[in-house]
Amino acid sequence: MKLSIYDFDGTIYNGDSSIDFIKFLMNKKKKLYLRLPKMFLYFIKYKLKLIDKITMKEYFFSILSNFNNIDSLIEEFWNKHEYNIKDLFKNKKTYKNIIIASASPYFLLEPIKEKYKILDLFATNMNKKNGKIKGNNCHDVEKVKVINKKYKDAIINEMYSDDEIADKPLLDLAKKSYIVKKDKIIDYKNYKPNIFKRFWNWGWGIYHKNEEIWNYLIVGLLTTVVSLVTYYICVLTFLNPNVALELQIANIISWILAVAFAYFTNRIFVFKSKNPNKIKEASSFVLSRVVTLLMDMFTMFIIVTVLKGNDKIGKLVSQVIVTVGNYIISKLFVFKKKGVNSER
């Protein structure tokens, strides 16, 4: 058997059917728009890899529990949105060897499967009463797994998708693969994304190869900003930098706020710690920063006082040493992975 596989959203459907369906439901009950801030928060958490895609999707679709007539609403939705089905799919002569593989909920795409009498539909198995997902999100390599499980002896003759990254496993597997951009069908082998997208994909790839280190550098930069802003607020408002004691008070205040900011951001975004003993962890973190503060002071003493070097160059050298030291100490001693509670 020779199969033609189609992604749905962006490929067959002009847009994202899941998003359109959620908007459709929210328009039915305007009070559901109050959930938008939390939806946005879940989206940000997903992008920062604090939650997985299933958790995000389950929250988005949890609005289903506010309706008792989902089947009739799905029918109404497609009556209003079927115009988004592209002509490249509508105008096909036969659908008997076509499979749709999509991350959207199965219950949402089932009416399309029935209307066009396609061979099969693989989509995310979601409970239409509460949005809970059973099994995996039908996305990326998961599409290959479910298709191969049922059609292990079939030949994937064609694959159509609008996303050359998410559907790469299937695009590479098919004999002929095509990228669909709006109403254009482009041979996958000859497809080149625009220069902005290529640059974005390149940068995103570099980021993911060393995600923890990049997050640490970003957090370190923000921590420096917090430290400097706090210091300048102090000396420009209620402390006099020309008075030695007040100068050091400003330094101490900026150090305390910077360390507090660094602890929470390192815990959440860099090392993604699950350690329930936050007090012990925070104490270890503060102690580690005291250690690197002493390293900073010692480095400056050697370069400036002993070797009579330039203090500005000395400060740059000491900051490199402190940055590396903070990362190593935090990773090995403060946010160390140990047991179930520290899994990423």
C-alpha atoms as a PDB file:
ATOM      1  CA  MET A   1       0.000   0.000   0.000  1.00  0.00           C
ATOM      2  CA  LYS A   2       1.243   3.462  -0.916  1.00  0.00           C
ATOM      3  CA  LEU A   3       0.270   6.236   1.489  1.00  0.00           C
ATOM      4  CA  SER A   4       0.080  10.009   1.198  1.00  0.00           C
ATOM      5  CA  ILE A   5       0.524  11.730   4.568  1.00  0.00           C
ATOM      6  CA  TYR A   6      -0.735  15.229   5.255  1.00  0.00           C
ATOM      7  CA  ASP A   7      -0.135  17.448   8.239  1.00  0.00           C
ATOM      8  CA  PHE A   8      -3.304  19.417   9.014  1.00  0.00           C
ATOM      9  CA  ASP A   9      -2.775  22.892  10.496  1.00  0.00           C
ATOM     10  CA  GLY A  10      -1.067  25.189   8.007  1.00  0.00           C
ATOM     11  CA  THR A  11      -1.031  22.430   5.396  1.00  0.00           C
ATOM     12  CA  ILE A  12      -4.631  21.424   4.749  1.00  0.00           C
ATOM     13  CA  TYR A  13      -6.153  24.040   7.037  1.00  0.00           C
ATOM     14  CA  ASN A  14      -5.303  27.702   6.559  1.00  0.00           C
ATOM     15  CA  GLY A  15      -4.312  28.547  10.118  1.00  0.00           C
ATOM     16  CA  ASP A  16      -4.378  26.595  13.376  1.00  0.00           C
ATOM     17  CA  SER A  17      -7.636  24.718  13.976  1.00  0.00           C
ATOM     18  CA  SER A  18      -6.960  24.283  17.711  1.00  0.00           C
ATOM     19  CA  ILE A  19      -6.477  27.995  18.287  1.00  0.00           C
ATOM     20  CA  ASP A  20      -9.501  28.817  16.140  1.00  0.00           C
ATOM     21  CA  PHE A  21     -11.624  26.318  18.081  1.00  0.00           C
ATOM     22  CA  ILE A  22     -10.525  27.741  21.450  1.00  0.00           C
ATOM     23  CA  LYS A  23     -11.367  31.264  20.224  1.00  0.00           C
ATOM     24  CA  PHE A  24     -14.712  29.951  18.987  1.00  0.00           C
ATOM     25  CA  LEU A  25     -15.503  28.499  22.431  1.00  0.00           C
ATOM     26  CA  MET A  26     -14.381  31.656  24.240  1.00  0.00           C
ATOM     27  CA  ASN A  27     -16.700  33.716  22.063  1.00  0.00           C
ATOM     28  CA  LYS A  28     -19.542  31.465  23.206  1.00  0.00           C
ATOM     29  CA  LYS A  29     -18.834  32.344  26.833  1.00  0.00           C
ATOM     30  CA  LYS A  30     -17.132  35.720  27.093  1.00  0.00           C
ATOM     31  CA  LYS A  31     -16.119  35.142  30.717  1.00  0.00           C
ATOM     32  CA  LEU A  32     -13.579  32.601  29.449  1.00  0.00           C
ATOM     33  CA  TYR A  33     -11.488  35.522  28.181  1.00  0.00           C
ATOM     34  CA  LEU A  34     -10.509  36.028  31.823  1.00  0.00           C
ATOM     35  CA  ARG A  35      -8.331  32.945  31.345  1.00  0.00           C
ATOM     36  CA  LEU A  36      -6.157  34.669  28.728  1.00  0.00           C
ATOM     37  CA  PRO A  37      -3.477  35.938  31.183  1.00  0.00           C
ATOM     38  CA  LYS A  38      -3.004  32.446  32.604  1.00  0.00           C
ATOM     39  CA  MET A  39      -2.970  30.958  29.104  1.00  0.00           C
ATOM     40  CA  PHE A  40      -0.201  33.377  28.205  1.00  0.00           C
ATOM     41  CA  LEU A  41       1.670  32.390  31.381  1.00  0.00           C
ATOM     42  CA  TYR A  42       1.413  28.700  30.436  1.00  0.00           C
ATOM     43  CA  PHE A  43       2.690  29.537  26.957  1.00  0.00           C
ATOM     44  CA  ILE A  44       5.711  31.369  28.396  1.00  0.00           C
ATOM     45  CA  LYS A  45       6.403  28.482  30.786  1.00  0.00           C
ATOM     46  CA  TYR A  46       6.306  26.070  27.850  1.00  0.00           C
ATOM     47  CA  LYS A  47       8.698  28.214  25.803  1.00  0.00           C
ATOM     48  CA  LEU A  48      11.064  28.353  28.790  1.00  0.00           C
ATOM     49  CA  LYS A  49      10.752  24.538  29.093  1.00  0.00           C
ATOM     50  CA  LEU A  50       9.323  24.770  32.614  1.00  0.00           C
ATOM     51  CA  ILE A  51       6.362  22.651  31.475  1.00  0.00           C
ATOM     52  CA  ASP A  52       5.874  20.258  28.561  1.00  0.00           C
ATOM     53  CA  LYS A  53       3.560  20.790  25.603  1.00  0.00           C
ATOM     54  CA  ILE A  54       0.933  18.382  26.931  1.00  0.00           C
ATOM     55  CA  THR A  55       0.577  20.377  30.167  1.00  0.00           C
ATOM     56  CA  MET A  56       0.149  23.592  28.184  1.00  0.00           C
ATOM     57  CA  LYS A  57      -2.406  22.070  25.790  1.00  0.00           C
ATOM     58  CA  GLU A  58      -4.396  20.511  28.633  1.00  0.00           C
ATOM     59  CA  TYR A  59      -4.765  23.892  30.308  1.00  0.00           C
ATOM     60  CA  PHE A  60      -5.794  25.589  27.066  1.00  0.00           C
ATOM     61  CA  PHE A  61      -8.406  22.916  26.352  1.00  0.00           C
ATOM     62  CA  SER A  62      -9.617  22.693  29.949  1.00  0.00           C
ATOM     63  CA  ILE A  63     -12.240  25.252  28.876  1.00  0.00           C
ATOM     64  CA  LEU A  64     -14.098  22.265  27.362  1.00  0.00           C
ATOM     65  CA  SER A  65     -15.396  21.479  30.852  1.00  0.00           C
ATOM     66  CA  ASN A  66     -17.542  24.645  30.620  1.00  0.00           C
ATOM     67  CA  PHE A  67     -19.716  23.123  27.871  1.00  0.00           C
ATOM     68  CA  ASN A  68     -22.177  20.231  27.805  1.00  0.00           C
ATOM     69  CA  ASN A  69     -22.854  20.245  24.055  1.00  0.00           C
ATOM     70  CA  ILE A  70     -19.361  19.815  22.593  1.00  0.00           C
ATOM     71  CA  ASP A  71     -20.478  17.649  19.666  1.00  0.00           C
ATOM     72  CA  SER A  72     -22.935  20.250  18.426  1.00  0.00           C
ATOM     73  CA  LEU A  73     -20.341  22.983  18.948  1.00  0.00           C
ATOM     74  CA  ILE A  74     -17.796  21.051  16.878  1.00  0.00           C
ATOM     75  CA  GLU A  75     -20.379  20.752  14.096  1.00  0.00           C
ATOM     76  CA  GLU A  76     -21.106  24.470  14.298  1.00  0.00           C
ATOM     77  CA  PHE A  77     -17.391  25.252  14.291  1.00  0.00           C
ATOM     78  CA  TRP A  78     -16.804  23.386  11.039  1.00  0.00           C
ATOM     79  CA  ASN A  79     -19.869  24.925   9.423  1.00  0.00           C
ATOM     80  CA  LYS A  80     -18.219  28.298  10.023  1.00  0.00           C
ATOM     81  CA  HIS A  81     -14.573  27.344   9.451  1.00  0.00           C
ATOM     82  CA  GLU A  82     -14.537  24.728   6.714  1.00  0.00           C
ATOM     83  CA  TYR A  83     -13.737  27.492   4.235  1.00  0.00           C
ATOM     84  CA  ASN A  84     -10.207  27.322   5.706  1.00  0.00           C
ATOM     85  CA  ILE A  85      -9.679  23.921   4.100  1.00  0.00           C
ATOM     86  CA  LYS A  86      -7.340  24.661   1.190  1.00  0.00           C
ATOM     87  CA  ASP A  87      -8.198  23.915  -2.433  1.00  0.00           C
ATOM     88  CA  LEU A  88      -5.083  21.768  -2.764  1.00  0.00           C
ATOM     89  CA  PHE A  89      -6.898  19.261  -0.520  1.00  0.00           C
ATOM     90  CA  LYS A  90     -10.508  19.923  -1.514  1.00  0.00           C
ATOM     91  CA  ASN A  91      -9.789  19.371  -5.194  1.00  0.00           C
ATOM     92  CA  LYS A  92      -8.194  15.950  -4.865  1.00  0.00           C
ATOM     93  CA  LYS A  93      -9.932  13.227  -6.892  1.00  0.00           C
ATOM     94  CA  THR A  94      -9.554  10.513  -4.274  1.00  0.00           C
ATOM     95  CA  TYR A  95      -8.766  10.298  -0.565  1.00  0.00           C
ATOM     96  CA  LYS A  96      -8.595   6.509  -0.213  1.00  0.00           C
ATOM     97  CA  ASN A  97      -4.808   6.421   0.437  1.00  0.00           C
ATOM     98  CA  ILE A  98      -4.590   9.677   2.396  1.00  0.00           C
ATOM     99  CA  ILE A  99      -3.729   9.866   6.093  1.00  0.00           C
ATOM    100  CA  ILE A 100      -3.889  13.039   8.155  1.00  0.00           C
ATOM    101  CA  ALA A 101      -1.310  13.222  10.968  1.00  0.00           C
ATOM    102  CA  SER A 102      -1.819  16.166  13.309  1.00  0.00           C
ATOM    103  CA  ALA A 103      -1.111  17.352  16.842  1.00  0.00           C
ATOM    104  CA  SER A 104      -4.625  18.792  17.053  1.00  0.00           C
ATOM    105  CA  PRO A 105      -7.270  16.841  19.041  1.00  0.00           C
ATOM    106  CA  TYR A 106      -8.733  13.802  17.301  1.00  0.00           C
ATOM    107  CA  PHE A 107     -12.306  14.780  18.164  1.00  0.00           C
ATOM    108  CA  LEU A 108     -11.823  18.141  16.446  1.00  0.00           C
ATOM    109  CA  LEU A 109     -10.568  16.697  13.151  1.00  0.00           C
ATOM    110  CA  GLU A 110     -12.819  13.636  13.056  1.00  0.00           C
ATOM    111  CA  PRO A 111     -15.609  15.446  11.125  1.00  0.00           C
ATOM    112  CA  ILE A 112     -13.071  16.235   8.364  1.00  0.00           C
ATOM    113  CA  LYS A 113     -12.019  12.598   8.267  1.00  0.00           C
ATOM    114  CA  GLU A 114     -15.643  11.494   7.884  1.00  0.00           C
ATOM    115  CA  LYS A 115     -16.647  14.136   5.349  1.00  0.00           C
ATOM    116  CA  TYR A 116     -13.754  13.509   2.965  1.00  0.00           C
ATOM    117  CA  LYS A 117     -13.687   9.777   3.685  1.00  0.00           C
ATOM    118  CA  ILE A 118      -9.937   9.709   4.097  1.00  0.00           C
ATOM    119  CA  LEU A 119      -8.199   6.438   4.895  1.00  0.00           C
ATOM    120  CA  ASP A 120      -7.149   7.327   8.445  1.00  0.00           C
ATOM    121  CA  LEU A 121      -6.551  10.064  10.980  1.00  0.00           C
ATOM    122  CA  PHE A 122      -3.797  10.169  13.582  1.00  0.00           C
ATOM    123  CA  ALA A 123      -4.198  13.001  16.078  1.00  0.00           C
ATOM    124  CA  THR A 124      -3.819  13.744  19.776  1.00  0.00           C
ATOM    125  CA  ASN A 125      -6.103  11.580  21.909  1.00  0.00           C
ATOM    126  CA  MET A 126      -7.840  14.224  24.012  1.00  0.00           C
ATOM    127  CA  ASN A 127     -10.929  13.921  26.204  1.00  0.00           C
ATOM    128  CA  LYS A 128     -13.471  16.324  24.724  1.00  0.00           C
ATOM    129  CA  LYS A 129     -15.141  16.786  28.103  1.00  0.00           C
ATOM    130  CA  ASN A 130     -12.155  18.143  30.036  1.00  0.00           C
ATOM    131  CA  GLY A 131      -9.166  18.487  27.683  1.00  0.00           C
ATOM    132  CA  LYS A 132      -7.095  15.738  29.330  1.00  0.00           C
ATOM    133  CA  ILE A 133      -4.679  13.973  26.974  1.00  0.00           C
ATOM    134  CA  LYS A 134      -4.252  10.217  26.976  1.00  0.00           C
ATOM    135  CA  GLY A 135      -0.875   9.053  25.706  1.00  0.00           C
ATOM    136  CA  ASN A 136       1.499  11.332  23.804  1.00  0.00           C
ATOM    137  CA  ASN A 137       1.010  14.500  21.844  1.00  0.00           C
ATOM    138  CA  CYS A 138       0.818  13.467  18.152  1.00  0.00           C
ATOM    139  CA  HIS A 139       3.753  15.584  17.078  1.00  0.00           C
ATOM    140  CA  ASP A 140       7.196  15.254  15.508  1.00  0.00           C
ATOM    141  CA  VAL A 141       8.590  11.696  15.719  1.00  0.00           C
ATOM    142  CA  GLU A 142       5.392  10.514  17.447  1.00  0.00           C
ATOM    143  CA  LYS A 143       3.626  10.749  14.073  1.00  0.00           C
ATOM    144  CA  VAL A 144       6.117   8.277  12.594  1.00  0.00           C
ATOM    145  CA  LYS A 145       5.614   5.872  15.495  1.00  0.00           C
ATOM    146  CA  VAL A 146       1.814   5.720  15.295  1.00  0.00           C
ATOM    147  CA  ILE A 147       1.749   5.414  11.500  1.00  0.00           C
ATOM    148  CA  ASN A 148       4.413   2.696  11.422  1.00  0.00           C
ATOM    149  CA  LYS A 149       2.618   0.781  14.151  1.00  0.00           C
ATOM    150  CA  LYS A 150      -0.585   0.467  12.125  1.00  0.00           C
ATOM    151  CA  TYR A 151       0.828   0.527   8.588  1.00  0.00           C
ATOM    152  CA  LYS A 152       4.218  -1.132   9.119  1.00  0.00           C
ATOM    153  CA  ASP A 153       4.306  -2.676   5.626  1.00  0.00           C
ATOM    154  CA  ALA A 154       3.069   0.414   3.788  1.00  0.00           C
ATOM    155  CA  ILE A 155       5.197   2.741   1.693  1.00  0.00           C
ATOM    156  CA  ILE A 156       4.985   6.444   2.514  1.00  0.00           C
ATOM    157  CA  ASN A 157       4.904   7.751  -1.019  1.00  0.00           C
ATOM    158  CA  GLU A 158       4.209  11.432  -0.264  1.00  0.00           C
ATOM    159  CA  MET A 159       4.364  13.747   2.726  1.00  0.00           C
ATOM    160  CA  TYR A 160       2.971  17.282   2.870  1.00  0.00           C
ATOM    161  CA  SER A 161       3.654  19.740   5.703  1.00  0.00           C
ATOM    162  CA  ASP A 162       4.018  23.450   6.321  1.00  0.00           C
ATOM    163  CA  ASP A 163       6.685  22.891   8.996  1.00  0.00           C
ATOM    164  CA  GLU A 164      10.033  21.557   7.827  1.00  0.00           C
ATOM    165  CA  ILE A 165      11.295  21.281  11.413  1.00  0.00           C
ATOM    166  CA  ALA A 166       8.416  19.711  13.364  1.00  0.00           C
ATOM    167  CA  ASP A 167       7.627  17.230  10.577  1.00  0.00           C
ATOM    168  CA  LYS A 168      11.206  16.508   9.541  1.00  0.00           C
ATOM    169  CA  PRO A 169      11.006  12.806  10.607  1.00  0.00           C
ATOM    170  CA  LEU A 170       8.125  12.155   8.187  1.00  0.00           C
ATOM    171  CA  LEU A 171       9.469  14.430   5.466  1.00  0.00           C
ATOM    172  CA  ASP A 172      12.749  12.518   5.491  1.00  0.00           C
ATOM    173  CA  LEU A 173      10.953   9.172   5.504  1.00  0.00           C
ATOM    174  CA  ALA A 174       8.684   9.759   2.495  1.00  0.00           C
ATOM    175  CA  LYS A 175       9.777   9.050  -1.088  1.00  0.00           C
ATOM    176  CA  LYS A 176       8.527  12.482  -2.148  1.00  0.00           C
ATOM    177  CA  SER A 177       8.095  15.327   0.322  1.00  0.00           C
ATOM    178  CA  TYR A 178       6.605  18.772  -0.090  1.00  0.00           C
ATOM    179  CA  ILE A 179       6.495  21.977   1.943  1.00  0.00           C
ATOM    180  CA  VAL A 180       3.180  23.827   1.775  1.00  0.00           C
ATOM    181  CA  LYS A 181       3.326  27.592   2.197  1.00  0.00           C
ATOM    182  CA  LYS A 182      -0.166  29.057   1.927  1.00  0.00           C
ATOM    183  CA  ASP A 183      -1.290  27.695  -1.465  1.00  0.00           C
ATOM    184  CA  LYS A 184       2.164  26.961  -2.821  1.00  0.00           C
ATOM    185  CA  ILE A 185       3.603  23.434  -2.880  1.00  0.00           C
ATOM    186  CA  ILE A 186       7.420  23.365  -2.867  1.00  0.00           C
ATOM    187  CA  ASP A 187       9.651  20.327  -3.297  1.00  0.00           C
ATOM    188  CA  TYR A 188      11.196  19.612   0.121  1.00  0.00           C
ATOM    189  CA  LYS A 189      14.643  18.954  -1.366  1.00  0.00           C
ATOM    190  CA  ASN A 190      14.695  22.368  -3.031  1.00  0.00           C
ATOM    191  CA  TYR A 191      13.010  24.264  -0.207  1.00  0.00           C
ATOM    192  CA  LYS A 192      14.982  26.995   1.507  1.00  0.00           C
ATOM    193  CA  PRO A 193      13.319  29.092   4.222  1.00  0.00           C
ATOM    194  CA  ASN A 194      13.782  32.857   4.052  1.00  0.00           C
ATOM    195  CA  ILE A 195      17.016  34.280   5.418  1.00  0.00           C
ATOM    196  CA  PHE A 196      15.403  35.456   8.666  1.00  0.00           C
ATOM    197  CA  LYS A 197      14.007  31.998   9.420  1.00  0.00           C
ATOM    198  CA  ARG A 198      17.321  30.342   8.530  1.00  0.00           C
ATOM    199  CA  PHE A 199      19.155  32.706  10.886  1.00  0.00           C
ATOM    200  CA  TRP A 200      16.549  32.062  13.584  1.00  0.00           C
ATOM    201  CA  ASN A 201      16.835  28.268  13.180  1.00  0.00           C
ATOM    202  CA  TRP A 202      20.625  28.511  13.277  1.00  0.00           C
ATOM    203  CA  GLY A 203      20.578  30.579  16.483  1.00  0.00           C
ATOM    204  CA  TRP A 204      17.909  28.406  18.079  1.00  0.00           C
ATOM    205  CA  GLY A 205      19.976  25.311  17.303  1.00  0.00           C
ATOM    206  CA  ILE A 206      23.072  26.789  18.958  1.00  0.00           C
ATOM    207  CA  TYR A 207      21.004  27.775  21.988  1.00  0.00           C
ATOM    208  CA  HIS A 208      19.553  24.279  22.455  1.00  0.00           C
ATOM    209  CA  LYS A 209      22.950  22.579  22.228  1.00  0.00           C
ATOM    210  CA  ASN A 210      24.094  24.397  25.386  1.00  0.00           C
ATOM    211  CA  GLU A 211      20.806  25.634  26.802  1.00  0.00           C
ATOM    212  CA  GLU A 212      21.869  25.650  30.471  1.00  0.00           C
ATOM    213  CA  ILE A 213      24.987  27.714  29.802  1.00  0.00           C
ATOM    214  CA  TRP A 214      23.132  30.224  27.614  1.00  0.00           C
ATOM    215  CA  ASN A 215      20.410  30.603  30.255  1.00  0.00           C
ATOM    216  CA  TYR A 216      23.101  31.111  32.877  1.00  0.00           C
ATOM    217  CA  LEU A 217      24.750  33.873  30.818  1.00  0.00           C
ATOM    218  CA  ILE A 218      21.387  35.583  30.237  1.00  0.00           C
ATOM    219  CA  VAL A 219      20.541  35.412  33.938  1.00  0.00           C
ATOM    220  CA  GLY A 220      24.054  36.620  34.785  1.00  0.00           C
ATOM    221  CA  LEU A 221      23.593  39.660  32.544  1.00  0.00           C
ATOM    222  CA  LEU A 222      20.233  40.454  34.146  1.00  0.00           C
ATOM    223  CA  THR A 223      21.753  40.005  37.613  1.00  0.00           C
ATOM    224  CA  THR A 224      24.443  42.552  36.721  1.00  0.00           C
ATOM    225  CA  VAL A 225      21.723  44.975  35.606  1.00  0.00           C
ATOM    226  CA  VAL A 226      19.873  44.485  38.918  1.00  0.00           C
ATOM    227  CA  SER A 227      23.089  45.104  40.843  1.00  0.00           C
ATOM    228  CA  LEU A 228      24.000  48.275  38.934  1.00  0.00           C
ATOM    229  CA  VAL A 229      20.489  49.745  38.942  1.00  0.00           C
ATOM    230  CA  THR A 230      20.144  49.124  42.695  1.00  0.00           C
ATOM    231  CA  TYR A 231      23.537  50.691  43.388  1.00  0.00           C
ATOM    232  CA  TYR A 232      22.791  53.806  41.327  1.00  0.00           C
ATOM    233  CA  ILE A 233      19.364  54.244  42.914  1.00  0.00           C
ATOM    234  CA  CYS A 234      20.993  54.136  46.351  1.00  0.00           C
ATOM    235  CA  VAL A 235      23.777  56.635  45.625  1.00  0.00           C
ATOM    236  CA  LEU A 236      21.509  58.982  43.696  1.00  0.00           C
ATOM    237  CA  THR A 237      18.812  59.140  46.369  1.00  0.00           C
ATOM    238  CA  PHE A 238      19.670  58.544  50.032  1.00  0.00           C
ATOM    239  CA  LEU A 239      23.337  57.473  50.198  1.00  0.00           C
ATOM    240  CA  ASN A 240      26.446  59.580  49.566  1.00  0.00           C
ATOM    241  CA  PRO A 241      29.128  57.662  47.615  1.00  0.00           C
ATOM    242  CA  ASN A 242      31.790  60.120  48.839  1.00  0.00           C
ATOM    243  CA  VAL A 243      31.301  58.836  52.368  1.00  0.00           C
ATOM    244  CA  ALA A 244      33.157  55.522  52.686  1.00  0.00           C
ATOM    245  CA  LEU A 245      30.609  53.871  54.967  1.00  0.00           C
ATOM    246  CA  GLU A 246      27.607  54.901  52.841  1.00  0.00           C
ATOM    247  CA  LEU A 247      29.425  53.750  49.692  1.00  0.00           C
ATOM    248  CA  GLN A 248      29.826  50.264  51.166  1.00  0.00           C
ATOM    249  CA  ILE A 249      26.203  50.235  52.343  1.00  0.00           C
ATOM    250  CA  ALA A 250      25.133  50.903  48.750  1.00  0.00           C
ATOM    251  CA  ASN A 251      27.411  48.070  47.596  1.00  0.00           C
ATOM    252  CA  ILE A 252      25.973  45.690  50.181  1.00  0.00           C
ATOM    253  CA  ILE A 253      22.348  46.546  49.311  1.00  0.00           C
ATOM    254  CA  SER A 254      23.001  46.042  45.592  1.00  0.00           C
ATOM    255  CA  TRP A 255      24.814  42.742  46.324  1.00  0.00           C
ATOM    256  CA  ILE A 256      21.933  41.434  48.471  1.00  0.00           C
ATOM    257  CA  LEU A 257      19.261  42.220  45.860  1.00  0.00           C
ATOM    258  CA  ALA A 258      21.422  40.871  43.035  1.00  0.00           C
ATOM    259  CA  VAL A 259      22.049  37.602  44.920  1.00  0.00           C
ATOM    260  CA  ALA A 260      18.325  37.227  45.717  1.00  0.00           C
ATOM    261  CA  PHE A 261      17.445  37.788  42.059  1.00  0.00           C
ATOM    262  CA  ALA A 262      20.197  35.407  40.938  1.00  0.00           C
ATOM    263  CA  TYR A 263      19.024  32.628  43.265  1.00  0.00           C
ATOM    264  CA  PHE A 264      15.437  32.549  42.052  1.00  0.00           C
ATOM    265  CA  THR A 265      16.298  32.929  38.371  1.00  0.00           C
ATOM    266  CA  ASN A 266      19.036  30.283  38.548  1.00  0.00           C
ATOM    267  CA  ARG A 267      16.734  27.907  40.405  1.00  0.00           C
ATOM    268  CA  ILE A 268      13.820  28.353  37.978  1.00  0.00           C
ATOM    269  CA  PHE A 269      15.359  29.063  34.572  1.00  0.00           C
ATOM    270  CA  VAL A 270      18.938  27.757  34.581  1.00  0.00           C
ATOM    271  CA  PHE A 271      19.201  24.634  36.707  1.00  0.00           C
ATOM    272  CA  LYS A 272      15.429  24.005  36.999  1.00  0.00           C
ATOM    273  CA  SER A 273      15.822  22.747  40.539  1.00  0.00           C
ATOM    274  CA  LYS A 274      13.044  20.703  42.170  1.00  0.00           C
ATOM    275  CA  ASN A 275      14.684  20.626  45.586  1.00  0.00           C
ATOM    276  CA  PRO A 276      11.865  21.051  48.164  1.00  0.00           C
ATOM    277  CA  ASN A 277      14.305  22.338  50.810  1.00  0.00           C
ATOM    278  CA  LYS A 278      14.504  25.884  49.499  1.00  0.00           C
ATOM    279  CA  ILE A 279      15.931  27.351  52.717  1.00  0.00           C
ATOM    280  CA  LYS A 280      18.942  25.032  52.669  1.00  0.00           C
ATOM    281  CA  GLU A 281      19.386  25.532  48.947  1.00  0.00           C
ATOM    282  CA  ALA A 282      19.164  29.327  49.237  1.00  0.00           C
ATOM    283  CA  SER A 283      21.649  29.326  52.128  1.00  0.00           C
ATOM    284  CA  SER A 284      24.101  27.293  50.025  1.00  0.00           C
ATOM    285  CA  PHE A 285      23.616  29.694  47.147  1.00  0.00           C
ATOM    286  CA  VAL A 286      24.313  32.775  49.291  1.00  0.00           C
ATOM    287  CA  LEU A 287      27.393  31.062  50.759  1.00  0.00           C
ATOM    288  CA  SER A 288      28.643  30.272  47.256  1.00  0.00           C
ATOM    289  CA  ARG A 289      28.263  33.918  46.279  1.00  0.00           C
ATOM    290  CA  VAL A 290      30.215  34.957  49.368  1.00  0.00           C
ATOM    291  CA  VAL A 291      32.976  32.578  48.268  1.00  0.00           C
ATOM    292  CA  THR A 292      33.101  34.079  44.774  1.00  0.00           C
ATOM    293  CA  LEU A 293      32.976  37.580  46.287  1.00  0.00           C
ATOM    294  CA  LEU A 294      36.161  36.679  48.163  1.00  0.00           C
ATOM    295  CA  MET A 295      37.589  35.330  44.886  1.00  0.00           C
ATOM    296  CA  ASP A 296      36.781  38.685  43.298  1.00  0.00           C
ATOM    297  CA  MET A 297      38.479  40.600  46.087  1.00  0.00           C
ATOM    298  CA  PHE A 298      41.550  38.326  46.023  1.00  0.00           C
ATOM    299  CA  THR A 299      41.896  38.622  42.223  1.00  0.00           C
ATOM    300  CA  MET A 300      41.677  42.414  42.399  1.00  0.00           C
ATOM    301  CA  PHE A 301      44.215  42.465  45.234  1.00  0.00           C
ATOM    302  CA  ILE A 302      46.742  40.435  43.225  1.00  0.00           C
ATOM    303  CA  ILE A 303      46.290  42.301  39.918  1.00  0.00           C
ATOM    304  CA  VAL A 304      45.949  45.863  41.226  1.00  0.00           C
ATOM    305  CA  THR A 305      47.715  45.964  44.599  1.00  0.00           C
ATOM    306  CA  VAL A 306      50.483  43.409  44.190  1.00  0.00           C
ATOM    307  CA  LEU A 307      51.178  43.566  40.437  1.00  0.00           C
ATOM    308  CA  LYS A 308      50.254  47.272  40.098  1.00  0.00           C
ATOM    309  CA  GLY A 309      48.027  46.540  37.117  1.00  0.00           C
ATOM    310  CA  ASN A 310      45.132  48.584  35.729  1.00  0.00           C
ATOM    311  CA  ASP A 311      42.087  48.286  37.996  1.00  0.00           C
ATOM    312  CA  LYS A 312      39.619  48.275  35.079  1.00  0.00           C
ATOM    313  CA  ILE A 313      41.394  45.419  33.326  1.00  0.00           C
ATOM    314  CA  GLY A 314      41.685  43.678  36.673  1.00  0.00           C
ATOM    315  CA  LYS A 315      37.948  43.995  37.202  1.00  0.00           C
ATOM    316  CA  LEU A 316      37.225  42.413  33.817  1.00  0.00           C
ATOM    317  CA  VAL A 317      39.546  39.501  34.625  1.00  0.00           C
ATOM    318  CA  SER A 318      37.986  39.021  38.045  1.00  0.00           C
ATOM    319  CA  GLN A 319      34.451  39.059  36.591  1.00  0.00           C
ATOM    320  CA  VAL A 320      35.339  36.259  34.166  1.00  0.00           C
ATOM    321  CA  ILE A 321      36.753  34.213  37.060  1.00  0.00           C
ATOM    322  CA  VAL A 322      33.713  34.957  39.231  1.00  0.00           C
ATOM    323  CA  THR A 323      31.238  34.094  36.457  1.00  0.00           C
ATOM    324  CA  VAL A 324      32.882  30.717  35.797  1.00  0.00           C
ATOM    325  CA  GLY A 325      33.233  30.080  39.534  1.00  0.00           C
ATOM    326  CA  ASN A 326      29.571  30.873  40.196  1.00  0.00           C
ATOM    327  CA  TYR A 327      28.446  28.458  37.473  1.00  0.00           C
ATOM    328  CA  ILE A 328      30.666  25.592  38.646  1.00  0.00           C
ATOM    329  CA  ILE A 329      29.784  25.998  42.334  1.00  0.00           C
ATOM    330  CA  SER A 330      26.062  26.369  41.589  1.00  0.00           C
ATOM    331  CA  LYS A 331      25.992  23.303  39.346  1.00  0.00           C
ATOM    332  CA  LEU A 332      28.095  21.030  41.568  1.00  0.00           C
ATOM    333  CA  PHE A 333      27.073  22.082  45.056  1.00  0.00           C
ATOM    334  CA  VAL A 334      23.926  24.239  45.124  1.00  0.00           C
ATOM    335  CA  PHE A 335      21.590  22.940  42.394  1.00  0.00           C
ATOM    336  CA  LYS A 336      23.121  19.475  42.083  1.00  0.00           C
ATOM    337  CA  LYS A 337      20.867  16.816  40.609  1.00  0.00           C
ATOM    338  CA  LYS A 338      20.209  14.101  43.130  1.00  0.00           C
ATOM    339  CA  GLY A 339      17.249  11.756  43.386  1.00  0.00           C
ATOM    340  CA  VAL A 340      13.693  12.218  42.106  1.00  0.00           C
ATOM    341  CA  ASN A 341      13.256  15.688  43.560  1.00  0.00           C
ATOM    342  CA  SER A 342      15.937  17.193  41.370  1.00  0.00           C
ATOM    343  CA  GLU A 343      14.956  15.755  38.010  1.00  0.00           C
ATOM    344  CA  ARG A 344      14.693  18.250  35.173  1.00  0.00           C
END
